[in-house]
C-alpha cells in the first residue's frame, strides 16, 4: 500500500537564498507595523487629549457657575497626584492648560483637527497664539503636514500665517507620512503614564531638563560662564570617561565640573566628582593661566532639589580647590547653593507639568 504523502510547499531553489521578491515583502511588513504603531499611538493620544479637554470643561463649568481661585486648582493638582501617583500631567500649570483648551475650543475636541495633535503641540499653540483664526491655521497645517513640535514653533515664530497664500507651494515642510507625528507621539511625556505604565526613561527626561536649565542659567549670568560641553570625554589610562557638564569661567579663569544625579546623592558620587575635577586639573586646564577647577554635585530626592558643594567636604581625598576658598568677590560670580537648588527644582516642575 502507498501512504498518502502531503505535498510540501515549494522553497527557493537554493537553501539560504532569498527570493527576488523578499525585499518587497519586508517593505510591506514594515509599513504595516509602522502604520499599526501610528494608529495605536494616535488612539492613545486622542483619548489623552479628550480626557484633558473634559477635565478643562469641568473646571471651566465650575468657574462659570460658582467662581474659583488659584487655591482650588492647586489643591486639585495635589489631590490628583495623590490619587494617580504614577501618572504625570496633573500639575497646576497643566490643569490651567486644560482649562484654557476647553475655553479656546468649546466644541468637542475629538471632532476638531486640534484633537489629532499631541498635547505638546497644543500647549505650544496656546502659549504662542491668541486669536482663533491663527490657531486654526497652524492646527490645520500641523495636522496636514505632520509638523514636529520644533517645526510648529519655528513657523509660528516666522509668522507663517501672514504668507499663507503661498505657504502650501513655497514650503516643503511635509514629512514622510506619519513619521513626524509618530516621533512626537512616541516621546510625549504623558502617554505612557496615562496608560498606567512605568517609564524607564523618566530619569533621562529629568536629566535633559536639568541640563537645559543649567546651561541656560549659567550662560545668562553675564560675562562669565562659557559652556564647554556635555558628556565631555576625557581619556585616562586608555579608558574614556565622560563629564556630565563642563564650563569655563572667563573672569575667574577656572573650569567648573557639574555632575548630575537624578537619584539620591551617595558618598561614592562625591568621589567620582573629585576624580573628574582632578582629571580636568591635570589634563584640561592650562596651569599657567587657569586656577584650580571647582566641582558641583547636583542631585534630586523626593521631588526636592538637593545641591551639595561636594568639594567642601572635609574628607576630600584630593588636593583641589573648594568653593569655600573663593574670595567674597569671586563668590559673587558663582551660583549659590540656593541658585542651583532653584534651577533643579524648575527642571523637576517642568518634567512633572
C-alpha atoms as a PDB file:
ATOM      1  CA  UNK A   1       0.000   0.000   0.000  1.00  0.00           C
ATOM      2  CA  UNK A   2       1.159   3.513  -0.717  1.00  0.00           C
ATOM      3  CA  UNK A   3       0.818   6.107   2.048  1.00  0.00           C
ATOM      4  CA  UNK A   4      -0.636   9.480   1.183  1.00  0.00           C
ATOM      5  CA  UNK A   5       2.204  11.945   1.297  1.00  0.00           C
ATOM      6  CA  UNK A   6       1.244  15.595   1.808  1.00  0.00           C
ATOM      7  CA  UNK A   7       2.787  17.878  -0.757  1.00  0.00           C
ATOM      8  CA  UNK A   8       5.317  20.279   0.673  1.00  0.00           C
ATOM      9  CA  UNK A   9       5.299  23.956  -0.286  1.00  0.00           C
ATOM     10  CA  UNK A  10       7.905  24.952  -2.792  1.00  0.00           C
ATOM     11  CA  UNK A  11      11.108  26.501  -1.443  1.00  0.00           C
ATOM     12  CA  UNK A  12      13.696  28.678  -3.077  1.00  0.00           C
ATOM     13  CA  UNK A  13      15.971  26.768  -5.412  1.00  0.00           C
ATOM     14  CA  UNK A  14      18.963  27.018  -3.079  1.00  0.00           C
ATOM     15  CA  UNK A  15      18.772  26.728   0.688  1.00  0.00           C
ATOM     16  CA  UNK A  16      19.545  30.098   2.275  1.00  0.00           C
ATOM     17  CA  UNK A  17      18.898  32.072  -0.897  1.00  0.00           C
ATOM     18  CA  UNK A  18      16.086  34.574  -0.614  1.00  0.00           C
ATOM     19  CA  UNK A  19      13.662  35.044  -3.496  1.00  0.00           C
ATOM     20  CA  UNK A  20      13.836  38.255  -5.506  1.00  0.00           C
ATOM     21  CA  UNK A  21      10.529  39.446  -4.098  1.00  0.00           C
ATOM     22  CA  UNK A  22      11.681  39.230  -0.458  1.00  0.00           C
ATOM     23  CA  UNK A  23      12.637  42.932  -0.332  1.00  0.00           C
ATOM     24  CA  UNK A  24       9.128  43.913  -1.351  1.00  0.00           C
ATOM     25  CA  UNK A  25       7.664  41.629   1.334  1.00  0.00           C
ATOM     26  CA  UNK A  26       9.894  43.112   4.021  1.00  0.00           C
ATOM     27  CA  UNK A  27       8.971  46.629   2.964  1.00  0.00           C
ATOM     28  CA  UNK A  28       5.245  45.838   3.059  1.00  0.00           C
ATOM     29  CA  UNK A  29       5.510  44.248   6.519  1.00  0.00           C
ATOM     30  CA  UNK A  30       7.493  47.209   7.871  1.00  0.00           C
ATOM     31  CA  UNK A  31       4.890  49.623   6.502  1.00  0.00           C
ATOM     32  CA  UNK A  32       2.148  47.542   8.128  1.00  0.00           C
ATOM     33  CA  UNK A  33       3.915  47.582  11.506  1.00  0.00           C
ATOM     34  CA  UNK A  34       4.630  51.313  11.297  1.00  0.00           C
ATOM     35  CA  UNK A  35       1.023  52.039  10.338  1.00  0.00           C
ATOM     36  CA  UNK A  36      -0.304  49.939  13.212  1.00  0.00           C
ATOM     37  CA  UNK A  37       2.007  51.646  15.681  1.00  0.00           C
ATOM     38  CA  UNK A  38       0.984  55.067  14.485  1.00  0.00           C
ATOM     39  CA  UNK A  39      -2.725  54.232  14.683  1.00  0.00           C
ATOM     40  CA  UNK A  40      -2.301  52.817  18.184  1.00  0.00           C
ATOM     41  CA  UNK A  41      -0.382  55.846  19.404  1.00  0.00           C
ATOM     42  CA  UNK A  42      -2.828  58.216  17.801  1.00  0.00           C
ATOM     43  CA  UNK A  43      -5.669  56.398  19.539  1.00  0.00           C
ATOM     44  CA  UNK A  44      -3.947  56.772  22.918  1.00  0.00           C
ATOM     45  CA  UNK A  45      -3.173  60.418  22.187  1.00  0.00           C
ATOM     46  CA  UNK A  46      -6.790  61.083  21.202  1.00  0.00           C
ATOM     47  CA  UNK A  47      -8.027  59.606  24.475  1.00  0.00           C
ATOM     48  CA  UNK A  48      -5.475  61.638  26.443  1.00  0.00           C
ATOM     49  CA  UNK A  49      -6.419  64.924  24.761  1.00  0.00           C
ATOM     50  CA  UNK A  50     -10.100  64.073  25.175  1.00  0.00           C
ATOM     51  CA  UNK A  51      -9.541  63.459  28.890  1.00  0.00           C
ATOM     52  CA  UNK A  52      -7.683  66.751  29.289  1.00  0.00           C
ATOM     53  CA  UNK A  53     -10.432  68.610  27.432  1.00  0.00           C
ATOM     54  CA  UNK A  54     -13.122  67.052  29.635  1.00  0.00           C
ATOM     55  CA  UNK A  55     -11.205  67.978  32.785  1.00  0.00           C
ATOM     56  CA  UNK A  56     -10.856  71.501  31.423  1.00  0.00           C
ATOM     57  CA  UNK A  57     -14.610  71.648  30.763  1.00  0.00           C
ATOM     58  CA  UNK A  58     -15.346  70.575  34.333  1.00  0.00           C
ATOM     59  CA  UNK A  59     -13.069  73.273  35.741  1.00  0.00           C
ATOM     60  CA  UNK A  60     -14.476  75.869  33.336  1.00  0.00           C
ATOM     61  CA  UNK A  61     -18.065  74.987  34.282  1.00  0.00           C
ATOM     62  CA  UNK A  62     -17.300  75.374  37.985  1.00  0.00           C
ATOM     63  CA  UNK A  63     -15.642  78.690  37.322  1.00  0.00           C
ATOM     64  CA  UNK A  64     -18.667  79.996  35.467  1.00  0.00           C
ATOM     65  CA  UNK A  65     -21.195  78.654  37.988  1.00  0.00           C
ATOM     66  CA  UNK A  66     -19.544  79.258  41.336  1.00  0.00           C
ATOM     67  CA  UNK A  67     -16.268  81.030  40.771  1.00  0.00           C
ATOM     68  CA  UNK A  68     -12.921  79.701  41.908  1.00  0.00           C
ATOM     69  CA  UNK A  69      -9.408  80.841  42.599  1.00  0.00           C
ATOM     70  CA  UNK A  70      -5.931  79.508  42.148  1.00  0.00           C
ATOM     71  CA  UNK A  71      -6.088  77.726  45.505  1.00  0.00           C
ATOM     72  CA  UNK A  72      -8.769  75.411  44.147  1.00  0.00           C
ATOM     73  CA  UNK A  73      -6.646  74.445  41.131  1.00  0.00           C
ATOM     74  CA  UNK A  74      -3.560  73.952  43.293  1.00  0.00           C
ATOM     75  CA  UNK A  75      -5.475  71.704  45.682  1.00  0.00           C
ATOM     76  CA  UNK A  76      -6.994  69.791  42.753  1.00  0.00           C
ATOM     77  CA  UNK A  77      -3.498  69.222  41.359  1.00  0.00           C
ATOM     78  CA  UNK A  78      -2.276  67.910  44.710  1.00  0.00           C
ATOM     79  CA  UNK A  79      -5.246  65.558  45.167  1.00  0.00           C
ATOM     80  CA  UNK A  80      -4.993  64.204  41.617  1.00  0.00           C
ATOM     81  CA  UNK A  81      -1.293  63.451  42.079  1.00  0.00           C
ATOM     82  CA  UNK A  82      -2.188  61.577  45.259  1.00  0.00           C
ATOM     83  CA  UNK A  83      -4.979  59.655  43.564  1.00  0.00           C
ATOM     84  CA  UNK A  84      -2.837  58.808  40.496  1.00  0.00           C
ATOM     85  CA  UNK A  85       0.769  58.739  41.777  1.00  0.00           C
ATOM     86  CA  UNK A  86       2.211  57.069  38.654  1.00  0.00           C
ATOM     87  CA  UNK A  87       0.645  59.453  36.167  1.00  0.00           C
ATOM     88  CA  UNK A  88       2.049  62.834  35.342  1.00  0.00           C
ATOM     89  CA  UNK A  89       0.190  65.702  33.766  1.00  0.00           C
ATOM     90  CA  UNK A  90      -1.796  66.815  36.809  1.00  0.00           C
ATOM     91  CA  UNK A  91       0.344  69.758  37.845  1.00  0.00           C
ATOM     92  CA  UNK A  92      -1.298  73.105  38.476  1.00  0.00           C
ATOM     93  CA  UNK A  93       0.132  74.539  35.248  1.00  0.00           C
ATOM     94  CA  UNK A  94      -1.152  71.610  33.213  1.00  0.00           C
ATOM     95  CA  UNK A  95      -4.619  71.936  34.738  1.00  0.00           C
ATOM     96  CA  UNK A  96      -4.581  75.570  33.692  1.00  0.00           C
ATOM     97  CA  UNK A  97      -3.709  74.450  30.155  1.00  0.00           C
ATOM     98  CA  UNK A  98      -6.718  72.111  30.229  1.00  0.00           C
ATOM     99  CA  UNK A  99      -8.932  74.953  31.350  1.00  0.00           C
ATOM    100  CA  UNK A 100      -7.572  77.158  28.569  1.00  0.00           C
ATOM    101  CA  UNK A 101      -8.058  74.438  25.956  1.00  0.00           C
ATOM    102  CA  UNK A 102     -11.704  73.974  26.924  1.00  0.00           C
ATOM    103  CA  UNK A 103     -12.237  77.712  26.720  1.00  0.00           C
ATOM    104  CA  UNK A 104     -10.393  78.037  23.392  1.00  0.00           C
ATOM    105  CA  UNK A 105     -12.076  75.062  21.717  1.00  0.00           C
ATOM    106  CA  UNK A 106     -15.526  74.777  23.335  1.00  0.00           C
ATOM    107  CA  UNK A 107     -16.748  72.251  20.786  1.00  0.00           C
ATOM    108  CA  UNK A 108     -15.968  68.557  21.457  1.00  0.00           C
ATOM    109  CA  UNK A 109     -12.228  68.280  20.924  1.00  0.00           C
ATOM    110  CA  UNK A 110     -12.258  64.922  19.119  1.00  0.00           C
ATOM    111  CA  UNK A 111     -14.398  66.435  16.364  1.00  0.00           C
ATOM    112  CA  UNK A 112     -11.753  69.059  15.616  1.00  0.00           C
ATOM    113  CA  UNK A 113      -8.352  68.886  13.925  1.00  0.00           C
ATOM    114  CA  UNK A 114      -6.629  70.006  17.117  1.00  0.00           C
ATOM    115  CA  UNK A 115      -7.707  66.730  18.716  1.00  0.00           C
ATOM    116  CA  UNK A 116      -5.304  64.935  16.373  1.00  0.00           C
ATOM    117  CA  UNK A 117      -2.241  66.777  17.676  1.00  0.00           C
ATOM    118  CA  UNK A 118      -0.008  65.648  20.561  1.00  0.00           C
ATOM    119  CA  UNK A 119      -0.503  67.508  23.813  1.00  0.00           C
ATOM    120  CA  UNK A 120       2.879  69.203  23.489  1.00  0.00           C
ATOM    121  CA  UNK A 121       1.774  70.778  20.190  1.00  0.00           C
ATOM    122  CA  UNK A 122      -1.415  72.043  21.786  1.00  0.00           C
ATOM    123  CA  UNK A 123       0.400  73.726  24.670  1.00  0.00           C
ATOM    124  CA  UNK A 124       2.759  75.421  22.181  1.00  0.00           C
ATOM    125  CA  UNK A 125      -0.236  76.745  20.267  1.00  0.00           C
ATOM    126  CA  UNK A 126      -1.880  78.089  23.418  1.00  0.00           C
ATOM    127  CA  UNK A 127       1.355  79.680  24.626  1.00  0.00           C
ATOM    128  CA  UNK A 128       2.221  81.470  21.408  1.00  0.00           C
ATOM    129  CA  UNK A 129      -1.097  82.401  19.769  1.00  0.00           C
ATOM    130  CA  UNK A 130      -4.140  84.393  20.832  1.00  0.00           C
ATOM    131  CA  UNK A 131      -6.722  84.525  18.039  1.00  0.00           C
ATOM    132  CA  UNK A 132      -8.822  81.583  16.958  1.00  0.00           C
ATOM    133  CA  UNK A 133      -8.083  82.236  13.283  1.00  0.00           C
ATOM    134  CA  UNK A 134      -4.337  81.946  13.844  1.00  0.00           C
ATOM    135  CA  UNK A 135      -4.790  78.867  15.991  1.00  0.00           C
ATOM    136  CA  UNK A 136      -6.925  77.166  13.360  1.00  0.00           C
ATOM    137  CA  UNK A 137      -4.387  77.948  10.630  1.00  0.00           C
ATOM    138  CA  UNK A 138      -1.466  76.371  12.475  1.00  0.00           C
ATOM    139  CA  UNK A 139      -3.557  73.434  13.674  1.00  0.00           C
ATOM    140  CA  UNK A 140      -4.633  72.661  10.111  1.00  0.00           C
ATOM    141  CA  UNK A 141      -1.122  72.965   8.702  1.00  0.00           C
ATOM    142  CA  UNK A 142       0.444  70.936  11.519  1.00  0.00           C
ATOM    143  CA  UNK A 143      -2.022  68.090  11.019  1.00  0.00           C
ATOM    144  CA  UNK A 144      -1.814  68.224   7.223  1.00  0.00           C
ATOM    145  CA  UNK A 145       1.981  68.303   7.026  1.00  0.00           C
ATOM    146  CA  UNK A 146       2.854  66.250  10.085  1.00  0.00           C
ATOM    147  CA  UNK A 147       4.909  69.048  11.638  1.00  0.00           C
ATOM    148  CA  UNK A 148       7.053  68.221  14.625  1.00  0.00           C
ATOM    149  CA  UNK A 149       6.763  70.436  17.689  1.00  0.00           C
ATOM    150  CA  UNK A 150      10.002  72.204  16.751  1.00  0.00           C
ATOM    151  CA  UNK A 151       8.740  72.947  13.234  1.00  0.00           C
ATOM    152  CA  UNK A 152       5.456  74.223  14.616  1.00  0.00           C
ATOM    153  CA  UNK A 153       7.275  76.604  16.968  1.00  0.00           C
ATOM    154  CA  UNK A 154       9.566  77.773  14.177  1.00  0.00           C
ATOM    155  CA  UNK A 155       6.737  78.563  11.767  1.00  0.00           C
ATOM    156  CA  UNK A 156       4.794  80.409  14.453  1.00  0.00           C
ATOM    157  CA  UNK A 157       7.902  82.461  15.191  1.00  0.00           C
ATOM    158  CA  UNK A 158       8.246  83.211  11.461  1.00  0.00           C
ATOM    159  CA  UNK A 159       4.567  84.292  11.272  1.00  0.00           C
ATOM    160  CA  UNK A 160       3.886  81.803   8.505  1.00  0.00           C
ATOM    161  CA  UNK A 161       0.171  82.613   8.636  1.00  0.00           C
ATOM    162  CA  UNK A 162       0.879  86.033   7.131  1.00  0.00           C
ATOM    163  CA  UNK A 163       2.029  84.345   3.911  1.00  0.00           C
ATOM    164  CA  UNK A 164      -0.496  81.549   3.963  1.00  0.00           C
ATOM    165  CA  UNK A 165      -1.452  82.157   0.331  1.00  0.00           C
ATOM    166  CA  UNK A 166       1.906  80.843  -0.812  1.00  0.00           C
ATOM    167  CA  UNK A 167       2.761  78.607   2.074  1.00  0.00           C
ATOM    168  CA  UNK A 168       1.285  75.479   0.508  1.00  0.00           C
ATOM    169  CA  UNK A 169       3.601  75.637  -2.512  1.00  0.00           C
ATOM    170  CA  UNK A 170       6.669  77.510  -1.294  1.00  0.00           C
ATOM    171  CA  UNK A 171       7.470  75.480   1.853  1.00  0.00           C
ATOM    172  CA  UNK A 172       8.361  71.834   1.558  1.00  0.00           C
ATOM    173  CA  UNK A 173       7.658  71.036   5.180  1.00  0.00           C
ATOM    174  CA  UNK A 174       5.758  67.794   4.731  1.00  0.00           C
ATOM    175  CA  UNK A 175       7.460  64.750   6.151  1.00  0.00           C
ATOM    176  CA  UNK A 176       7.076  61.090   5.148  1.00  0.00           C
ATOM    177  CA  UNK A 177       3.575  60.011   6.028  1.00  0.00           C
ATOM    178  CA  UNK A 178       3.180  59.858   9.778  1.00  0.00           C
ATOM    179  CA  UNK A 179       6.888  59.911  10.647  1.00  0.00           C
ATOM    180  CA  UNK A 180       6.977  63.276  12.424  1.00  0.00           C
ATOM    181  CA  UNK A 181       3.689  62.613  14.167  1.00  0.00           C
ATOM    182  CA  UNK A 182       4.930  59.195  15.230  1.00  0.00           C
ATOM    183  CA  UNK A 183       8.113  60.642  16.720  1.00  0.00           C
ATOM    184  CA  UNK A 184       6.255  63.307  18.664  1.00  0.00           C
ATOM    185  CA  UNK A 185       3.678  60.853  19.914  1.00  0.00           C
ATOM    186  CA  UNK A 186       6.350  58.372  20.905  1.00  0.00           C
ATOM    187  CA  UNK A 187       8.200  60.933  23.015  1.00  0.00           C
ATOM    188  CA  UNK A 188       5.121  62.553  24.535  1.00  0.00           C
ATOM    189  CA  UNK A 189       5.847  62.676  28.277  1.00  0.00           C
ATOM    190  CA  UNK A 190       2.321  61.815  29.376  1.00  0.00           C
ATOM    191  CA  UNK A 191       1.160  58.968  27.179  1.00  0.00           C
ATOM    192  CA  UNK A 192       2.770  56.023  28.949  1.00  0.00           C
ATOM    193  CA  UNK A 193       1.780  57.404  32.325  1.00  0.00           C
ATOM    194  CA  UNK A 194      -1.761  57.778  31.001  1.00  0.00           C
ATOM    195  CA  UNK A 195      -1.751  54.026  30.298  1.00  0.00           C
ATOM    196  CA  UNK A 196      -0.518  53.320  33.814  1.00  0.00           C
ATOM    197  CA  UNK A 197       2.874  52.081  32.595  1.00  0.00           C
ATOM    198  CA  UNK A 198       6.248  52.797  34.148  1.00  0.00           C
ATOM    199  CA  UNK A 199       8.807  54.686  32.089  1.00  0.00           C
ATOM    200  CA  UNK A 200      12.449  53.642  32.042  1.00  0.00           C
ATOM    201  CA  UNK A 201      13.436  56.955  30.515  1.00  0.00           C
ATOM    202  CA  UNK A 202      11.913  59.184  33.195  1.00  0.00           C
ATOM    203  CA  UNK A 203      15.352  59.824  34.655  1.00  0.00           C
ATOM    204  CA  UNK A 204      16.747  60.703  31.234  1.00  0.00           C
ATOM    205  CA  UNK A 205      13.960  63.244  30.734  1.00  0.00           C
ATOM    206  CA  UNK A 206      14.739  64.782  34.111  1.00  0.00           C
ATOM    207  CA  UNK A 207      18.438  64.888  33.305  1.00  0.00           C
ATOM    208  CA  UNK A 208      17.694  66.571  29.966  1.00  0.00           C
ATOM    209  CA  UNK A 209      15.575  69.184  31.734  1.00  0.00           C
ATOM    210  CA  UNK A 210      18.242  69.834  34.381  1.00  0.00           C
ATOM    211  CA  UNK A 211      20.950  70.155  31.728  1.00  0.00           C
ATOM    212  CA  UNK A 212      18.879  72.580  29.667  1.00  0.00           C
ATOM    213  CA  UNK A 213      18.110  74.707  32.733  1.00  0.00           C
ATOM    214  CA  UNK A 214      21.713  74.639  33.935  1.00  0.00           C
ATOM    215  CA  UNK A 215      23.181  75.684  30.585  1.00  0.00           C
ATOM    216  CA  UNK A 216      20.644  78.468  30.185  1.00  0.00           C
ATOM    217  CA  UNK A 217      21.039  79.730  33.741  1.00  0.00           C
ATOM    218  CA  UNK A 218      24.839  79.728  33.827  1.00  0.00           C
ATOM    219  CA  UNK A 219      25.289  81.299  30.407  1.00  0.00           C
ATOM    220  CA  UNK A 220      22.778  84.021  31.288  1.00  0.00           C
ATOM    221  CA  UNK A 221      24.702  85.118  34.376  1.00  0.00           C
ATOM    222  CA  UNK A 222      26.570  87.639  32.246  1.00  0.00           C
ATOM    223  CA  UNK A 223      30.213  87.711  31.218  1.00  0.00           C
ATOM    224  CA  UNK A 224      31.428  84.645  32.992  1.00  0.00           C
ATOM    225  CA  UNK A 225      30.398  81.071  32.357  1.00  0.00           C
ATOM    226  CA  UNK A 226      31.099  79.650  28.917  1.00  0.00           C
ATOM    227  CA  UNK A 227      29.665  76.247  28.037  1.00  0.00           C
ATOM    228  CA  UNK A 228      32.436  73.785  27.121  1.00  0.00           C
ATOM    229  CA  UNK A 229      30.482  70.607  26.644  1.00  0.00           C
ATOM    230  CA  UNK A 230      28.089  67.952  27.843  1.00  0.00           C
ATOM    231  CA  UNK A 231      29.305  64.390  28.372  1.00  0.00           C
ATOM    232  CA  UNK A 232      32.752  65.855  27.848  1.00  0.00           C
ATOM    233  CA  UNK A 233      35.156  62.984  27.027  1.00  0.00           C
ATOM    234  CA  UNK A 234      38.465  62.519  28.844  1.00  0.00           C
ATOM    235  CA  UNK A 235      40.865  59.630  28.253  1.00  0.00           C
ATOM    236  CA  UNK A 236      42.596  58.218  31.334  1.00  0.00           C
ATOM    237  CA  UNK A 237      44.872  55.209  31.009  1.00  0.00           C
ATOM    238  CA  UNK A 238      43.306  54.207  27.732  1.00  0.00           C
ATOM    239  CA  UNK A 239      39.769  54.303  29.181  1.00  0.00           C
ATOM    240  CA  UNK A 240      37.257  57.006  28.262  1.00  0.00           C
ATOM    241  CA  UNK A 241      35.263  58.849  30.909  1.00  0.00           C
ATOM    242  CA  UNK A 242      32.572  61.453  30.332  1.00  0.00           C
ATOM    243  CA  UNK A 243      31.918  64.526  32.471  1.00  0.00           C
ATOM    244  CA  UNK A 244      28.239  65.483  32.691  1.00  0.00           C
ATOM    245  CA  UNK A 245      28.754  69.240  32.230  1.00  0.00           C
ATOM    246  CA  UNK A 246      31.932  71.253  31.836  1.00  0.00           C
ATOM    247  CA  UNK A 247      32.025  75.057  31.927  1.00  0.00           C
ATOM    248  CA  UNK A 248      34.820  77.606  31.883  1.00  0.00           C
ATOM    249  CA  UNK A 249      34.588  80.921  33.741  1.00  0.00           C
ATOM    250  CA  UNK A 250      36.142  83.719  31.704  1.00  0.00           C
ATOM    251  CA  UNK A 251      36.650  86.064  34.672  1.00  0.00           C
ATOM    252  CA  UNK A 252      37.766  83.548  37.267  1.00  0.00           C
ATOM    253  CA  UNK A 253      39.857  81.561  34.780  1.00  0.00           C
ATOM    254  CA  UNK A 254      38.650  78.276  36.193  1.00  0.00           C
ATOM    255  CA  UNK A 255      36.936  75.199  34.880  1.00  0.00           C
ATOM    256  CA  UNK A 256      33.741  74.122  36.638  1.00  0.00           C
ATOM    257  CA  UNK A 257      32.645  70.498  36.649  1.00  0.00           C
ATOM    258  CA  UNK A 258      28.962  69.702  37.246  1.00  0.00           C
ATOM    259  CA  UNK A 259      27.914  66.137  37.991  1.00  0.00           C
ATOM    260  CA  UNK A 260      24.161  65.438  37.860  1.00  0.00           C
ATOM    261  CA  UNK A 261      22.352  62.707  39.765  1.00  0.00           C
ATOM    262  CA  UNK A 262      18.637  62.050  39.338  1.00  0.00           C
ATOM    263  CA  UNK A 263      18.582  59.782  42.396  1.00  0.00           C
ATOM    264  CA  UNK A 264      19.816  60.131  45.945  1.00  0.00           C
ATOM    265  CA  UNK A 265      23.311  61.525  46.249  1.00  0.00           C
ATOM    266  CA  UNK A 266      25.664  58.947  47.768  1.00  0.00           C
ATOM    267  CA  UNK A 267      29.233  59.196  49.101  1.00  0.00           C
ATOM    268  CA  UNK A 268      30.667  57.455  46.044  1.00  0.00           C
ATOM    269  CA  UNK A 269      29.255  60.221  43.858  1.00  0.00           C
ATOM    270  CA  UNK A 270      31.448  62.707  45.731  1.00  0.00           C
ATOM    271  CA  UNK A 271      34.463  60.527  44.996  1.00  0.00           C
ATOM    272  CA  UNK A 272      33.555  60.400  41.302  1.00  0.00           C
ATOM    273  CA  UNK A 273      33.219  64.177  41.166  1.00  0.00           C
ATOM    274  CA  UNK A 274      36.585  64.598  42.853  1.00  0.00           C
ATOM    275  CA  UNK A 275      38.088  62.267  40.271  1.00  0.00           C
ATOM    276  CA  UNK A 276      36.689  64.351  37.400  1.00  0.00           C
ATOM    277  CA  UNK A 277      37.908  67.578  38.985  1.00  0.00           C
ATOM    278  CA  UNK A 278      41.377  66.089  39.317  1.00  0.00           C
ATOM    279  CA  UNK A 279      41.303  64.889  35.699  1.00  0.00           C
ATOM    280  CA  UNK A 280      40.327  68.347  34.435  1.00  0.00           C
ATOM    281  CA  UNK A 281      43.032  69.939  36.554  1.00  0.00           C
ATOM    282  CA  UNK A 282      45.718  67.656  35.211  1.00  0.00           C
ATOM    283  CA  UNK A 283      44.613  67.108  31.615  1.00  0.00           C
ATOM    284  CA  UNK A 284      42.430  70.023  30.514  1.00  0.00           C
ATOM    285  CA  UNK A 285      43.340  73.242  32.302  1.00  0.00           C
ATOM    286  CA  UNK A 286      46.348  75.380  31.492  1.00  0.00           C
ATOM    287  CA  UNK A 287      48.386  75.562  34.700  1.00  0.00           C
ATOM    288  CA  UNK A 288      49.999  78.821  33.598  1.00  0.00           C
ATOM    289  CA  UNK A 289      46.675  80.557  33.023  1.00  0.00           C
ATOM    290  CA  UNK A 290      43.904  78.743  34.876  1.00  0.00           C
ATOM    291  CA  UNK A 291      43.253  78.403  38.586  1.00  0.00           C
ATOM    292  CA  UNK A 292      42.214  75.115  40.148  1.00  0.00           C
ATOM    293  CA  UNK A 293      38.974  73.502  38.999  1.00  0.00           C
ATOM    294  CA  UNK A 294      35.846  73.513  41.151  1.00  0.00           C
ATOM    295  CA  UNK A 295      33.130  70.871  41.109  1.00  0.00           C
ATOM    296  CA  UNK A 296      29.445  70.819  41.968  1.00  0.00           C
ATOM    297  CA  UNK A 297      27.404  67.724  42.698  1.00  0.00           C
ATOM    298  CA  UNK A 298      23.695  68.179  41.995  1.00  0.00           C
ATOM    299  CA  UNK A 299      21.074  65.627  42.948  1.00  0.00           C
ATOM    300  CA  UNK A 300      17.340  65.251  43.474  1.00  0.00           C
ATOM    301  CA  UNK A 301      15.324  63.365  46.036  1.00  0.00           C
ATOM    302  CA  UNK A 302      11.581  63.082  46.585  1.00  0.00           C
ATOM    303  CA  UNK A 303      10.949  65.887  44.090  1.00  0.00           C
ATOM    304  CA  UNK A 304      13.149  68.285  46.016  1.00  0.00           C
ATOM    305  CA  UNK A 305      16.462  69.559  44.715  1.00  0.00           C
ATOM    306  CA  UNK A 306      19.449  68.752  46.911  1.00  0.00           C
ATOM    307  CA  UNK A 307      22.594  70.604  45.914  1.00  0.00           C
ATOM    308  CA  UNK A 308      25.888  69.749  47.536  1.00  0.00           C
ATOM    309  CA  UNK A 309      29.045  71.732  47.085  1.00  0.00           C
ATOM    310  CA  UNK A 310      30.915  68.490  47.241  1.00  0.00           C
ATOM    311  CA  UNK A 311      34.403  69.929  47.296  1.00  0.00           C
ATOM    312  CA  UNK A 312      33.715  71.493  50.689  1.00  0.00           C
ATOM    313  CA  UNK A 313      33.746  68.022  52.193  1.00  0.00           C
ATOM    314  CA  UNK A 314      36.311  67.835  54.990  1.00  0.00           C
ATOM    315  CA  UNK A 315      37.381  64.330  53.964  1.00  0.00           C
ATOM    316  CA  UNK A 316      38.155  65.353  50.396  1.00  0.00           C
ATOM    317  CA  UNK A 317      40.985  62.995  49.368  1.00  0.00           C
ATOM    318  CA  UNK A 318      42.286  65.219  46.571  1.00  0.00           C
ATOM    319  CA  UNK A 319      44.293  68.397  46.746  1.00  0.00           C
ATOM    320  CA  UNK A 320      41.818  70.561  44.868  1.00  0.00           C
ATOM    321  CA  UNK A 321      40.361  73.985  45.489  1.00  0.00           C
ATOM    322  CA  UNK A 322      36.962  74.085  47.190  1.00  0.00           C
ATOM    323  CA  UNK A 323      34.108  76.524  46.776  1.00  0.00           C
ATOM    324  CA  UNK A 324      34.655  77.819  50.298  1.00  0.00           C
ATOM    325  CA  UNK A 325      38.155  79.052  49.428  1.00  0.00           C
ATOM    326  CA  UNK A 326      36.822  81.574  46.908  1.00  0.00           C
ATOM    327  CA  UNK A 327      37.017  85.202  47.926  1.00  0.00           C
ATOM    328  CA  UNK A 328      33.750  87.129  48.501  1.00  0.00           C
ATOM    329  CA  UNK A 329      34.250  88.930  45.182  1.00  0.00           C
ATOM    330  CA  UNK A 330      34.729  85.619  43.368  1.00  0.00           C
ATOM    331  CA  UNK A 331      31.700  84.088  45.025  1.00  0.00           C
ATOM    332  CA  UNK A 332      29.575  86.864  43.566  1.00  0.00           C
ATOM    333  CA  UNK A 333      30.367  85.441  40.115  1.00  0.00           C
ATOM    334  CA  UNK A 334      29.444  81.862  41.016  1.00  0.00           C
ATOM    335  CA  UNK A 335      25.934  80.454  41.606  1.00  0.00           C
ATOM    336  CA  UNK A 336      24.996  79.779  45.191  1.00  0.00           C
ATOM    337  CA  UNK A 337      23.508  76.585  46.524  1.00  0.00           C
ATOM    338  CA  UNK A 338      20.097  78.279  46.510  1.00  0.00           C
ATOM    339  CA  UNK A 339      20.573  79.275  42.856  1.00  0.00           C
ATOM    340  CA  UNK A 340      21.310  75.717  41.779  1.00  0.00           C
ATOM    341  CA  UNK A 341      18.564  74.376  44.015  1.00  0.00           C
ATOM    342  CA  UNK A 342      16.084  76.623  42.201  1.00  0.00           C
ATOM    343  CA  UNK A 343      17.371  75.582  38.764  1.00  0.00           C
ATOM    344  CA  UNK A 344      16.942  71.909  39.576  1.00  0.00           C
ATOM    345  CA  UNK A 345      13.512  72.435  41.105  1.00  0.00           C
ATOM    346  CA  UNK A 346      12.380  74.287  37.989  1.00  0.00           C
ATOM    347  CA  UNK A 347      13.561  71.340  35.908  1.00  0.00           C
ATOM    348  CA  UNK A 348      11.621  68.925  38.115  1.00  0.00           C
ATOM    349  CA  UNK A 349       8.492  71.059  37.804  1.00  0.00           C
ATOM    350  CA  UNK A 350       8.835  71.222  34.014  1.00  0.00           C
ATOM    351  CA  UNK A 351       9.073  67.434  33.744  1.00  0.00           C
ATOM    352  CA  UNK A 352       6.092  66.910  36.029  1.00  0.00           C
ATOM    353  CA  UNK A 353       3.904  69.559  34.385  1.00  0.00           C
END
